[in-house]
Amino acid sequence: ARARNGGAGQRVDVPMLDAFAAYALPDMILPETFQPAEPPPAVGLDIYRTWETADGYVVGIVIEDAQFQGACRALEREDLLEDARYGNLLGRLQHAEALFGLFADEIRKWPTAAFVERAREHGAPFGPVNDLAGFFADPQVRHNHTWEDVEDPESGTLRYLRHPVRYATTPASLRRHPPRLGQHSQSVLEEAGFDERQIQRLRDLRVIS
């Protein structure tokens, strides 16, 4: 079928702000779906949140029974499992301020790595909040080969992020380094139909490098 524009080429713009909104906001925008939107109720409770540790932060959620039980065991606070206020989801929500205050105090006693390891062992969904160095050192990032260091003959070791899409039969690969200024001017213009005289004229006018 012919394209709606008759098969002609067209300009394609991808504003970074719109790309961010399309990627990050679909879940957050749900309350705004039906207009005019009603003001959201004042909850005053961050269920999915960051928690301060002894040496950094973790992010996680404690709401379902298994999550609550796993967090209590990871923190060595099994006594909370016997507290009637926290015996079910409704009770934990009703007493969330007290419960989350307890968790905040307890999590702050643990180094990030030690707590995350224990949390995962007991089935509590917590993960570290990484800075850039922590991201590069993350075991899952290393397992995925999310980044790679490549030697450049002129600049030494360069770090690149791997293409995020995994193609089973035609994997993406790094075939060349980013070009220097003007490195491909000659070949690009030749491919576009410019002859040597025209290209030299552009150089003389300092249009290209």
N, C-alpha and C. Protein backbone atom coordinates (compact mmCIF):
# COMPACT_ATOMS: atom_id res chain seq x y z
N ALA A 1 0.84 -1.19 0.00
CA ALA A 1 0.00 0.00 0.00
C ALA A 1 0.88 1.24 0.00
N ARG A 2 0.42 2.23 -0.74
CA ARG A 2 1.18 3.46 -0.79
C ARG A 2 1.01 4.24 0.50
N ALA A 3 2.08 4.92 0.88
CA ALA A 3 2.01 5.74 2.08
C ALA A 3 0.99 6.85 1.89
N ARG A 4 0.47 7.35 2.99
CA ARG A 4 -0.57 8.38 2.91
C ARG A 4 -0.04 9.67 2.30
N ASN A 5 1.26 9.88 2.35
CA ASN A 5 1.82 11.10 1.74
C ASN A 5 2.25 10.86 0.30
N GLY A 6 1.78 9.75 -0.31
CA GLY A 6 2.08 9.48 -1.70
C GLY A 6 3.46 8.89 -1.94
N GLY A 7 4.13 8.45 -0.86
CA GLY A 7 5.44 7.84 -1.01
C GLY A 7 6.59 8.81 -0.96
N ALA A 8 6.30 10.11 -0.78
CA ALA A 8 7.37 11.10 -0.73
C ALA A 8 8.05 11.07 0.63
N GLY A 9 9.29 11.53 0.66
CA GLY A 9 10.00 11.63 1.93
C GLY A 9 9.42 12.73 2.80
N GLN A 10 9.82 12.74 4.05
CA GLN A 10 9.32 13.75 4.96
C GLN A 10 10.32 13.98 6.07
N ARG A 11 10.26 15.15 6.68
CA ARG A 11 11.11 15.47 7.81
C ARG A 11 10.58 14.75 9.04
N VAL A 12 11.48 14.18 9.84
CA VAL A 12 11.12 13.48 11.06
C VAL A 12 11.82 14.16 12.23
N ASP A 13 11.05 14.72 13.15
CA ASP A 13 11.59 15.34 14.37
C ASP A 13 11.25 14.47 15.56
N VAL A 14 12.20 14.28 16.47
CA VAL A 14 11.98 13.55 17.71
C VAL A 14 12.42 14.44 18.87
N PRO A 15 11.54 15.33 19.36
CA PRO A 15 11.92 16.18 20.49
C PRO A 15 12.27 15.33 21.72
N MET A 16 13.37 15.65 22.38
CA MET A 16 13.80 14.88 23.54
C MET A 16 12.76 14.92 24.64
N LEU A 17 12.10 16.08 24.82
CA LEU A 17 11.10 16.20 25.86
C LEU A 17 9.93 15.26 25.61
N ASP A 18 9.49 15.18 24.34
CA ASP A 18 8.37 14.29 24.00
C ASP A 18 8.78 12.82 24.12
N ALA A 19 10.02 12.52 23.76
CA ALA A 19 10.51 11.15 23.90
C ALA A 19 10.53 10.73 25.36
N PHE A 20 10.98 11.64 26.24
CA PHE A 20 10.96 11.36 27.68
C PHE A 20 9.54 11.11 28.16
N ALA A 21 8.60 11.98 27.74
CA ALA A 21 7.22 11.83 28.19
C ALA A 21 6.64 10.49 27.75
N ALA A 22 6.91 10.10 26.50
CA ALA A 22 6.37 8.84 25.98
C ALA A 22 6.94 7.64 26.71
N TYR A 23 8.19 7.76 27.17
CA TYR A 23 8.84 6.63 27.84
C TYR A 23 8.51 6.57 29.33
N ALA A 24 8.49 7.72 30.00
CA ALA A 24 8.44 7.72 31.45
C ALA A 24 7.06 7.99 32.05
N LEU A 25 6.14 8.58 31.31
CA LEU A 25 4.91 9.06 31.92
C LEU A 25 3.64 8.24 31.70
N PRO A 26 3.62 7.21 30.85
CA PRO A 26 2.34 6.52 30.62
C PRO A 26 1.63 6.07 31.89
N ASP A 27 2.35 5.50 32.85
CA ASP A 27 1.70 5.05 34.08
C ASP A 27 1.27 6.23 34.94
N MET A 28 2.10 7.26 35.00
CA MET A 28 1.81 8.39 35.88
C MET A 28 0.65 9.23 35.38
N ILE A 29 0.37 9.17 34.09
CA ILE A 29 -0.65 10.04 33.51
C ILE A 29 -2.06 9.46 33.60
N LEU A 30 -2.17 8.23 34.10
CA LEU A 30 -3.48 7.59 34.16
C LEU A 30 -4.54 8.44 34.86
N PRO A 31 -4.23 9.09 36.00
CA PRO A 31 -5.28 9.91 36.63
C PRO A 31 -5.74 11.09 35.77
N GLU A 32 -4.96 11.43 34.75
CA GLU A 32 -5.32 12.55 33.89
C GLU A 32 -6.06 12.10 32.62
N THR A 33 -6.37 10.82 32.51
CA THR A 33 -6.96 10.29 31.29
C THR A 33 -8.29 10.94 30.95
N PHE A 34 -9.18 11.01 31.92
CA PHE A 34 -10.51 11.57 31.70
C PHE A 34 -10.54 13.02 32.19
N GLN A 35 -10.79 13.91 31.25
CA GLN A 35 -10.77 15.33 31.56
C GLN A 35 -12.18 15.89 31.69
N PRO A 36 -12.42 16.87 32.55
CA PRO A 36 -11.42 17.43 33.48
C PRO A 36 -11.10 16.46 34.61
N ALA A 37 -9.83 16.32 34.93
CA ALA A 37 -9.41 15.37 35.95
C ALA A 37 -9.71 15.90 37.34
N GLU A 38 -10.11 14.98 38.22
CA GLU A 38 -10.36 15.36 39.61
C GLU A 38 -9.03 15.38 40.35
N PRO A 39 -8.88 16.27 41.33
CA PRO A 39 -7.65 16.29 42.12
C PRO A 39 -7.45 14.95 42.81
N PRO A 40 -6.23 14.42 42.80
CA PRO A 40 -5.99 13.13 43.45
C PRO A 40 -6.18 13.24 44.95
N PRO A 41 -6.62 12.16 45.59
CA PRO A 41 -6.78 12.20 47.04
C PRO A 41 -5.45 12.35 47.75
N ALA A 42 -5.45 13.00 48.88
CA ALA A 42 -4.22 13.18 49.65
C ALA A 42 -3.92 11.88 50.39
N VAL A 43 -2.91 11.15 49.89
CA VAL A 43 -2.56 9.86 50.48
C VAL A 43 -1.55 10.04 51.61
N GLY A 44 -0.53 10.84 51.35
CA GLY A 44 0.48 11.07 52.37
C GLY A 44 1.34 9.86 52.65
N LEU A 45 1.42 8.91 51.72
CA LEU A 45 2.17 7.68 51.95
C LEU A 45 2.88 7.30 50.67
N ASP A 46 4.20 7.18 50.74
CA ASP A 46 4.98 6.72 49.60
C ASP A 46 5.22 5.23 49.76
N ILE A 47 4.46 4.43 49.02
CA ILE A 47 4.60 2.97 49.15
C ILE A 47 5.85 2.48 48.47
N TYR A 48 6.06 2.94 47.24
CA TYR A 48 7.28 2.57 46.51
C TYR A 48 8.24 3.74 46.64
N ARG A 49 9.33 3.57 47.36
CA ARG A 49 10.13 4.70 47.78
C ARG A 49 11.58 4.30 47.97
N THR A 50 12.41 5.29 48.23
CA THR A 50 13.80 5.02 48.60
C THR A 50 13.91 4.98 50.11
N TRP A 51 14.88 4.17 50.56
CA TRP A 51 15.14 4.02 51.99
C TRP A 51 16.63 4.24 52.21
N GLU A 52 16.97 5.00 53.22
CA GLU A 52 18.37 5.25 53.53
C GLU A 52 18.97 4.05 54.24
N THR A 53 20.18 3.68 53.82
CA THR A 53 20.93 2.61 54.48
C THR A 53 22.11 3.21 55.23
N ALA A 54 22.96 2.33 55.77
CA ALA A 54 24.13 2.82 56.51
C ALA A 54 25.12 3.52 55.60
N ASP A 55 25.11 3.18 54.31
CA ASP A 55 26.10 3.78 53.41
C ASP A 55 25.52 4.22 52.07
N GLY A 56 24.21 4.35 51.98
CA GLY A 56 23.61 4.77 50.71
C GLY A 56 22.10 4.70 50.77
N TYR A 57 21.52 4.18 49.70
CA TYR A 57 20.06 4.08 49.62
C TYR A 57 19.67 2.81 48.89
N VAL A 58 18.48 2.33 49.21
CA VAL A 58 17.86 1.25 48.45
C VAL A 58 16.47 1.72 48.03
N VAL A 59 15.94 1.08 47.02
CA VAL A 59 14.58 1.36 46.59
C VAL A 59 13.80 0.06 46.69
N GLY A 60 12.56 0.15 47.14
CA GLY A 60 11.79 -1.08 47.29
C GLY A 60 10.38 -0.81 47.73
N ILE A 61 9.63 -1.87 47.89
CA ILE A 61 8.22 -1.77 48.23
C ILE A 61 7.89 -2.82 49.28
N VAL A 62 7.07 -2.44 50.24
CA VAL A 62 6.61 -3.36 51.28
C VAL A 62 5.11 -3.15 51.41
N ILE A 63 4.34 -4.02 50.76
CA ILE A 63 2.88 -3.86 50.81
C ILE A 63 2.18 -5.22 50.89
N GLU A 64 2.55 -6.16 50.05
CA GLU A 64 1.90 -7.47 50.06
C GLU A 64 2.43 -8.31 51.23
N ASP A 65 1.69 -9.36 51.55
CA ASP A 65 2.08 -10.20 52.68
C ASP A 65 3.51 -10.74 52.52
N ALA A 66 3.80 -11.29 51.34
CA ALA A 66 5.12 -11.89 51.13
C ALA A 66 6.22 -10.84 51.21
N GLN A 67 5.96 -9.65 50.70
CA GLN A 67 6.94 -8.58 50.76
C GLN A 67 7.20 -8.17 52.21
N PHE A 68 6.15 -8.01 52.96
CA PHE A 68 6.27 -7.64 54.37
C PHE A 68 7.03 -8.71 55.15
N GLN A 69 6.65 -9.96 54.95
CA GLN A 69 7.30 -11.06 55.68
C GLN A 69 8.78 -11.15 55.30
N GLY A 70 9.07 -11.01 54.01
CA GLY A 70 10.47 -11.08 53.58
C GLY A 70 11.29 -9.94 54.14
N ALA A 71 10.70 -8.72 54.18
CA ALA A 71 11.43 -7.58 54.72
C ALA A 71 11.70 -7.76 56.21
N CYS A 72 10.73 -8.27 56.95
CA CYS A 72 10.94 -8.50 58.38
C CYS A 72 12.06 -9.50 58.61
N ARG A 73 12.10 -10.56 57.83
CA ARG A 73 13.16 -11.56 58.00
C ARG A 73 14.52 -11.01 57.58
N ALA A 74 14.53 -10.22 56.51
CA ALA A 74 15.79 -9.64 56.07
C ALA A 74 16.35 -8.69 57.12
N LEU A 75 15.48 -8.01 57.84
CA LEU A 75 15.90 -7.05 58.86
C LEU A 75 16.08 -7.68 60.23
N GLU A 76 15.84 -9.00 60.30
CA GLU A 76 15.92 -9.72 61.58
C GLU A 76 14.94 -9.14 62.59
N ARG A 77 13.77 -8.78 62.09
CA ARG A 77 12.70 -8.27 62.93
C ARG A 77 11.45 -9.14 62.78
N GLU A 78 11.65 -10.46 62.99
CA GLU A 78 10.52 -11.38 62.89
C GLU A 78 9.44 -11.08 63.93
N ASP A 79 9.80 -10.34 64.97
CA ASP A 79 8.81 -9.99 65.98
C ASP A 79 7.64 -9.18 65.39
N LEU A 80 7.93 -8.43 64.30
CA LEU A 80 6.87 -7.65 63.68
C LEU A 80 5.82 -8.53 63.03
N LEU A 81 6.18 -9.77 62.72
CA LEU A 81 5.22 -10.69 62.12
C LEU A 81 4.12 -11.05 63.10
N GLU A 82 4.39 -10.88 64.38
CA GLU A 82 3.41 -11.22 65.40
C GLU A 82 2.59 -10.00 65.83
N ASP A 83 2.92 -8.85 65.29
CA ASP A 83 2.20 -7.63 65.65
C ASP A 83 0.85 -7.60 64.92
N ALA A 84 -0.23 -7.57 65.67
CA ALA A 84 -1.57 -7.66 65.08
C ALA A 84 -1.86 -6.50 64.14
N ARG A 85 -1.22 -5.34 64.36
CA ARG A 85 -1.47 -4.19 63.49
C ARG A 85 -1.04 -4.45 62.05
N TYR A 86 -0.06 -5.33 61.87
CA TYR A 86 0.53 -5.53 60.55
C TYR A 86 0.20 -6.91 59.97
N GLY A 87 -0.81 -7.56 60.52
CA GLY A 87 -1.11 -8.94 60.13
C GLY A 87 -1.71 -9.08 58.74
N ASN A 88 -2.26 -7.99 58.17
CA ASN A 88 -2.82 -8.07 56.82
C ASN A 88 -2.62 -6.74 56.12
N LEU A 89 -2.96 -6.73 54.85
CA LEU A 89 -2.72 -5.54 54.02
C LEU A 89 -3.44 -4.32 54.57
N LEU A 90 -4.70 -4.46 54.93
CA LEU A 90 -5.46 -3.32 55.43
C LEU A 90 -4.83 -2.77 56.70
N GLY A 91 -4.43 -3.65 57.58
CA GLY A 91 -3.80 -3.19 58.81
C GLY A 91 -2.50 -2.46 58.56
N ARG A 92 -1.71 -2.95 57.62
CA ARG A 92 -0.44 -2.29 57.31
C ARG A 92 -0.66 -0.91 56.71
N LEU A 93 -1.71 -0.78 55.89
CA LEU A 93 -2.02 0.53 55.33
C LEU A 93 -2.51 1.49 56.41
N GLN A 94 -3.34 0.98 57.31
CA GLN A 94 -3.87 1.83 58.37
C GLN A 94 -2.78 2.30 59.32
N HIS A 95 -1.77 1.48 59.50
CA HIS A 95 -0.69 1.81 60.43
C HIS A 95 0.63 2.01 59.68
N ALA A 96 0.51 2.47 58.44
CA ALA A 96 1.70 2.58 57.58
C ALA A 96 2.73 3.56 58.14
N GLU A 97 2.27 4.64 58.72
CA GLU A 97 3.23 5.63 59.22
C GLU A 97 4.13 5.02 60.29
N ALA A 98 3.55 4.26 61.20
CA ALA A 98 4.35 3.62 62.24
C ALA A 98 5.22 2.52 61.65
N LEU A 99 4.65 1.71 60.76
CA LEU A 99 5.40 0.60 60.17
C LEU A 99 6.58 1.10 59.35
N PHE A 100 6.32 2.09 58.50
CA PHE A 100 7.40 2.59 57.66
C PHE A 100 8.47 3.31 58.48
N GLY A 101 8.05 3.92 59.58
CA GLY A 101 9.04 4.52 60.47
C GLY A 101 9.95 3.47 61.07
N LEU A 102 9.38 2.33 61.46
CA LEU A 102 10.18 1.22 61.97
C LEU A 102 11.14 0.71 60.92
N PHE A 103 10.61 0.49 59.71
CA PHE A 103 11.46 -0.02 58.63
C PHE A 103 12.59 0.97 58.31
N ALA A 104 12.27 2.26 58.30
CA ALA A 104 13.29 3.25 58.01
C ALA A 104 14.42 3.18 59.03
N ASP A 105 14.07 3.05 60.30
CA ASP A 105 15.10 2.95 61.34
C ASP A 105 15.93 1.68 61.20
N GLU A 106 15.28 0.58 60.86
CA GLU A 106 15.98 -0.70 60.76
C GLU A 106 16.87 -0.77 59.52
N ILE A 107 16.34 -0.30 58.39
CA ILE A 107 17.12 -0.36 57.15
C ILE A 107 18.36 0.51 57.26
N ARG A 108 18.25 1.61 58.01
CA ARG A 108 19.38 2.52 58.16
C ARG A 108 20.55 1.86 58.89
N LYS A 109 20.33 0.76 59.55
CA LYS A 109 21.39 0.06 60.28
C LYS A 109 22.24 -0.82 59.37
N TRP A 110 21.76 -1.10 58.15
CA TRP A 110 22.40 -2.08 57.30
C TRP A 110 23.14 -1.41 56.14
N PRO A 111 24.34 -1.90 55.80
CA PRO A 111 24.96 -1.47 54.54
C PRO A 111 24.11 -1.91 53.35
N THR A 112 24.15 -1.14 52.31
CA THR A 112 23.30 -1.41 51.15
C THR A 112 23.46 -2.82 50.62
N ALA A 113 24.70 -3.22 50.34
CA ALA A 113 24.94 -4.53 49.72
C ALA A 113 24.43 -5.66 50.60
N ALA A 114 24.68 -5.55 51.90
CA ALA A 114 24.27 -6.62 52.81
C ALA A 114 22.75 -6.71 52.89
N PHE A 115 22.09 -5.56 52.96
CA PHE A 115 20.63 -5.59 53.05
C PHE A 115 20.00 -6.11 51.77
N VAL A 116 20.48 -5.64 50.62
CA VAL A 116 19.92 -6.09 49.35
C VAL A 116 20.09 -7.60 49.19
N GLU A 117 21.24 -8.12 49.59
CA GLU A 117 21.46 -9.57 49.49
C GLU A 117 20.47 -10.32 50.37
N ARG A 118 20.28 -9.87 51.58
CA ARG A 118 19.34 -10.53 52.48
C ARG A 118 17.90 -10.37 51.98
N ALA A 119 17.56 -9.18 51.49
CA ALA A 119 16.21 -8.95 51.00
C ALA A 119 15.88 -9.89 49.85
N ARG A 120 16.81 -10.04 48.93
CA ARG A 120 16.57 -10.93 47.79
C ARG A 120 16.49 -12.39 48.25
N GLU A 121 17.29 -12.73 49.24
CA GLU A 121 17.27 -14.09 49.77
C GLU A 121 15.90 -14.43 50.36
N HIS A 122 15.25 -13.43 50.96
CA HIS A 122 13.96 -13.66 51.62
C HIS A 122 12.78 -13.20 50.77
N GLY A 123 13.01 -12.81 49.53
CA GLY A 123 11.92 -12.49 48.62
C GLY A 123 11.33 -11.11 48.80
N ALA A 124 12.08 -10.19 49.39
CA ALA A 124 11.61 -8.81 49.51
C ALA A 124 12.17 -7.99 48.36
N PRO A 125 11.33 -7.29 47.60
CA PRO A 125 11.79 -6.60 46.38
C PRO A 125 12.50 -5.28 46.67
N PHE A 126 13.79 -5.36 46.96
CA PHE A 126 14.63 -4.19 47.16
C PHE A 126 15.84 -4.26 46.24
N GLY A 127 16.29 -3.09 45.83
CA GLY A 127 17.50 -3.01 45.01
C GLY A 127 18.29 -1.77 45.38
N PRO A 128 19.56 -1.74 45.05
CA PRO A 128 20.38 -0.57 45.39
C PRO A 128 20.06 0.63 44.52
N VAL A 129 20.21 1.82 45.07
CA VAL A 129 20.16 3.05 44.30
C VAL A 129 21.60 3.36 43.91
N ASN A 130 21.91 3.23 42.64
CA ASN A 130 23.30 3.33 42.18
C ASN A 130 23.64 4.73 41.70
N ASP A 131 24.87 5.14 41.97
CA ASP A 131 25.44 6.25 41.21
C ASP A 131 26.01 5.65 39.93
N LEU A 132 26.66 6.46 39.12
CA LEU A 132 27.12 5.96 37.83
C LEU A 132 28.15 4.84 37.99
N ALA A 133 29.07 5.02 38.94
CA ALA A 133 30.07 3.98 39.17
C ALA A 133 29.41 2.69 39.65
N GLY A 134 28.40 2.83 40.52
CA GLY A 134 27.68 1.66 40.99
C GLY A 134 26.92 0.96 39.88
N PHE A 135 26.38 1.74 38.95
CA PHE A 135 25.68 1.14 37.80
C PHE A 135 26.64 0.30 36.97
N PHE A 136 27.82 0.83 36.66
CA PHE A 136 28.77 0.08 35.85
C PHE A 136 29.24 -1.19 36.56
N ALA A 137 29.25 -1.15 37.90
CA ALA A 137 29.73 -2.31 38.66
C ALA A 137 28.62 -3.30 38.99
N ASP A 138 27.37 -2.96 38.71
CA ASP A 138 26.24 -3.82 39.06
C ASP A 138 26.37 -5.18 38.38
N PRO A 139 26.18 -6.27 39.13
CA PRO A 139 26.34 -7.61 38.53
C PRO A 139 25.44 -7.87 37.33
N GLN A 140 24.19 -7.39 37.37
CA GLN A 140 23.30 -7.61 36.23
C GLN A 140 23.75 -6.82 35.02
N VAL A 141 24.24 -5.60 35.25
CA VAL A 141 24.76 -4.79 34.15
C VAL A 141 25.96 -5.48 33.51
N ARG A 142 26.84 -6.03 34.34
CA ARG A 142 28.00 -6.75 33.80
C ARG A 142 27.57 -8.01 33.06
N HIS A 143 26.59 -8.72 33.61
CA HIS A 143 26.10 -9.93 32.95
C HIS A 143 25.50 -9.62 31.59
N ASN A 144 24.79 -8.49 31.50
CA ASN A 144 24.16 -8.09 30.24
C ASN A 144 25.15 -7.51 29.24
N HIS A 145 26.38 -7.23 29.69
CA HIS A 145 27.35 -6.52 28.84
C HIS A 145 26.73 -5.21 28.33
N THR A 146 26.10 -4.49 29.27
CA THR A 146 25.43 -3.24 28.92
C THR A 146 26.40 -2.21 28.37
N TRP A 147 27.66 -2.29 28.78
CA TRP A 147 28.68 -1.37 28.29
C TRP A 147 29.92 -2.17 27.90
N GLU A 148 30.75 -1.55 27.12
CA GLU A 148 32.01 -2.19 26.73
C GLU A 148 33.10 -1.14 26.56
N ASP A 149 34.30 -1.51 26.92
CA ASP A 149 35.47 -0.66 26.72
C ASP A 149 36.16 -1.09 25.43
N VAL A 150 36.43 -0.13 24.57
CA VAL A 150 37.02 -0.39 23.26
C VAL A 150 38.26 0.48 23.09
N GLU A 151 39.27 -0.09 22.48
CA GLU A 151 40.50 0.66 22.25
C GLU A 151 40.40 1.46 20.96
N ASP A 152 40.71 2.74 21.06
CA ASP A 152 40.74 3.63 19.90
C ASP A 152 42.20 3.96 19.62
N PRO A 153 42.65 3.86 18.37
CA PRO A 153 44.06 4.07 18.07
C PRO A 153 44.56 5.47 18.41
N GLU A 154 43.68 6.45 18.44
CA GLU A 154 44.10 7.82 18.73
C GLU A 154 43.79 8.27 20.14
N SER A 155 42.70 7.77 20.71
CA SER A 155 42.25 8.30 22.00
C SER A 155 42.42 7.34 23.16
N GLY A 156 42.85 6.11 22.91
CA GLY A 156 43.00 5.15 23.99
C GLY A 156 41.71 4.40 24.26
N THR A 157 41.45 4.11 25.53
CA THR A 157 40.28 3.32 25.91
C THR A 157 39.03 4.21 25.97
N LEU A 158 38.00 3.79 25.25
CA LEU A 158 36.73 4.51 25.23
C LEU A 158 35.63 3.57 25.72
N ARG A 159 34.70 4.12 26.49
CA ARG A 159 33.59 3.32 27.00
C ARG A 159 32.32 3.67 26.24
N TYR A 160 31.64 2.63 25.74
CA TYR A 160 30.40 2.81 25.00
C TYR A 160 29.29 1.98 25.64
N LEU A 161 28.05 2.48 25.54
CA LEU A 161 26.90 1.67 25.91
C LEU A 161 26.54 0.75 24.76
N ARG A 162 26.20 -0.48 25.09
CA ARG A 162 25.82 -1.44 24.07
C ARG A 162 24.43 -1.12 23.53
N HIS A 163 24.20 -1.47 22.28
CA HIS A 163 22.87 -1.31 21.70
C HIS A 163 21.86 -2.06 22.58
N PRO A 164 20.76 -1.42 23.00
CA PRO A 164 19.87 -2.04 23.99
C PRO A 164 19.02 -3.18 23.45
N VAL A 165 18.87 -3.30 22.13
CA VAL A 165 18.03 -4.34 21.55
C VAL A 165 18.88 -5.56 21.23
N ARG A 166 18.41 -6.74 21.61
CA ARG A 166 19.14 -7.98 21.35
C ARG A 166 18.50 -8.71 20.17
N TYR A 167 19.19 -8.74 19.05
CA TYR A 167 18.70 -9.42 17.86
C TYR A 167 19.28 -10.84 17.83
N ALA A 168 18.41 -11.84 17.74
CA ALA A 168 18.85 -13.23 17.87
C ALA A 168 19.79 -13.65 16.74
N THR A 169 19.49 -13.24 15.50
CA THR A 169 20.28 -13.71 14.36
C THR A 169 21.16 -12.63 13.75
N THR A 170 20.85 -11.37 13.99
CA THR A 170 21.65 -10.28 13.44
C THR A 170 22.00 -9.29 14.55
N PRO A 171 22.83 -9.71 15.50
CA PRO A 171 23.13 -8.84 16.64
C PRO A 171 23.83 -7.55 16.21
N ALA A 172 23.47 -6.47 16.89
CA ALA A 172 24.14 -5.19 16.63
C ALA A 172 25.57 -5.25 17.14
N SER A 173 26.46 -4.54 16.48
CA SER A 173 27.86 -4.55 16.89
C SER A 173 28.47 -3.18 16.63
N LEU A 174 29.57 -2.92 17.31
CA LEU A 174 30.30 -1.68 17.11
C LEU A 174 31.31 -1.91 15.99
N ARG A 175 31.04 -1.30 14.84
CA ARG A 175 31.89 -1.51 13.67
C ARG A 175 32.90 -0.39 13.46
N ARG A 176 32.63 0.78 14.02
CA ARG A 176 33.55 1.89 13.87
C ARG A 176 33.34 2.87 15.02
N HIS A 177 34.36 3.66 15.27
CA HIS A 177 34.26 4.67 16.30
C HIS A 177 33.52 5.90 15.77
N PRO A 178 32.98 6.74 16.66
CA PRO A 178 32.37 7.99 16.18
C PRO A 178 33.37 8.79 15.36
N PRO A 179 32.96 9.36 14.25
CA PRO A 179 33.91 10.06 13.38
C PRO A 179 34.41 11.37 13.99
N ARG A 180 35.64 11.73 13.62
CA ARG A 180 36.15 13.04 13.98
C ARG A 180 35.49 14.10 13.09
N LEU A 181 35.64 15.34 13.48
CA LEU A 181 35.05 16.43 12.72
C LEU A 181 35.56 16.40 11.28
N GLY A 182 34.63 16.28 10.34
CA GLY A 182 34.98 16.30 8.93
C GLY A 182 35.59 15.02 8.39
N GLN A 183 35.66 13.98 9.22
CA GLN A 183 36.35 12.75 8.80
C GLN A 183 35.71 12.12 7.56
N HIS A 184 34.40 12.20 7.44
CA HIS A 184 33.70 11.54 6.33
C HIS A 184 33.11 12.52 5.34
N SER A 185 33.51 13.78 5.43
CA SER A 185 32.92 14.78 4.52
C SER A 185 33.10 14.38 3.06
N GLN A 186 34.30 13.96 2.68
CA GLN A 186 34.59 13.61 1.29
C GLN A 186 33.69 12.49 0.81
N SER A 187 33.64 11.39 1.57
CA SER A 187 32.88 10.23 1.11
C SER A 187 31.38 10.50 1.10
N VAL A 188 30.88 11.27 2.07
CA VAL A 188 29.45 11.57 2.12
C VAL A 188 29.05 12.44 0.93
N LEU A 189 29.87 13.45 0.63
CA LEU A 189 29.54 14.33 -0.49
C LEU A 189 29.68 13.61 -1.83
N GLU A 190 30.67 12.75 -1.95
CA GLU A 190 30.81 11.96 -3.18
C GLU A 190 29.58 11.08 -3.39
N GLU A 191 29.11 10.47 -2.32
CA GLU A 191 27.92 9.62 -2.41
C GLU A 191 26.69 10.44 -2.79
N ALA A 192 26.68 11.71 -2.39
CA ALA A 192 25.56 12.59 -2.71
C ALA A 192 25.66 13.18 -4.12
N GLY A 193 26.76 12.87 -4.84
CA GLY A 193 26.87 13.31 -6.22
C GLY A 193 27.78 14.50 -6.47
N PHE A 194 28.47 15.00 -5.46
CA PHE A 194 29.39 16.12 -5.64
C PHE A 194 30.69 15.62 -6.28
N ASP A 195 31.25 16.39 -7.20
CA ASP A 195 32.54 16.02 -7.77
C ASP A 195 33.66 16.69 -6.97
N GLU A 196 34.90 16.36 -7.34
CA GLU A 196 36.05 16.83 -6.57
C GLU A 196 36.14 18.36 -6.57
N ARG A 197 35.83 18.99 -7.69
CA ARG A 197 35.91 20.45 -7.77
C ARG A 197 34.91 21.10 -6.82
N GLN A 198 33.70 20.57 -6.78
CA GLN A 198 32.68 21.12 -5.89
C GLN A 198 33.05 20.92 -4.42
N ILE A 199 33.61 19.76 -4.12
CA ILE A 199 34.01 19.48 -2.74
C ILE A 199 35.13 20.41 -2.31
N GLN A 200 36.10 20.62 -3.20
CA GLN A 200 37.19 21.51 -2.87
C GLN A 200 36.69 22.94 -2.68
N ARG A 201 35.71 23.33 -3.48
CA ARG A 201 35.12 24.66 -3.33
C ARG A 201 34.49 24.82 -1.94
N LEU A 202 33.82 23.80 -1.47
CA LEU A 202 33.23 23.84 -0.13
C LEU A 202 34.31 23.95 0.94
N ARG A 203 35.43 23.26 0.70
CA ARG A 203 36.53 23.38 1.65
C ARG A 203 37.13 24.80 1.65
N ASP A 204 37.29 25.35 0.46
CA ASP A 204 37.85 26.69 0.35
C ASP A 204 36.97 27.70 1.06
N LEU A 205 35.66 27.49 0.98
CA LEU A 205 34.73 28.40 1.64
C LEU A 205 34.56 28.06 3.13
N ARG A 206 35.23 27.04 3.57
CA ARG A 206 35.19 26.58 4.98
C ARG A 206 33.78 26.14 5.38
N VAL A 207 33.04 25.65 4.37
CA VAL A 207 31.72 25.06 4.67
C VAL A 207 31.89 23.70 5.34
N ILE A 208 32.94 22.97 4.90
CA ILE A 208 33.24 21.66 5.47
C ILE A 208 34.71 21.67 5.92
N SER A 209 35.02 20.70 6.76
CA SER A 209 36.39 20.55 7.23
C SER A 209 37.14 19.57 6.34
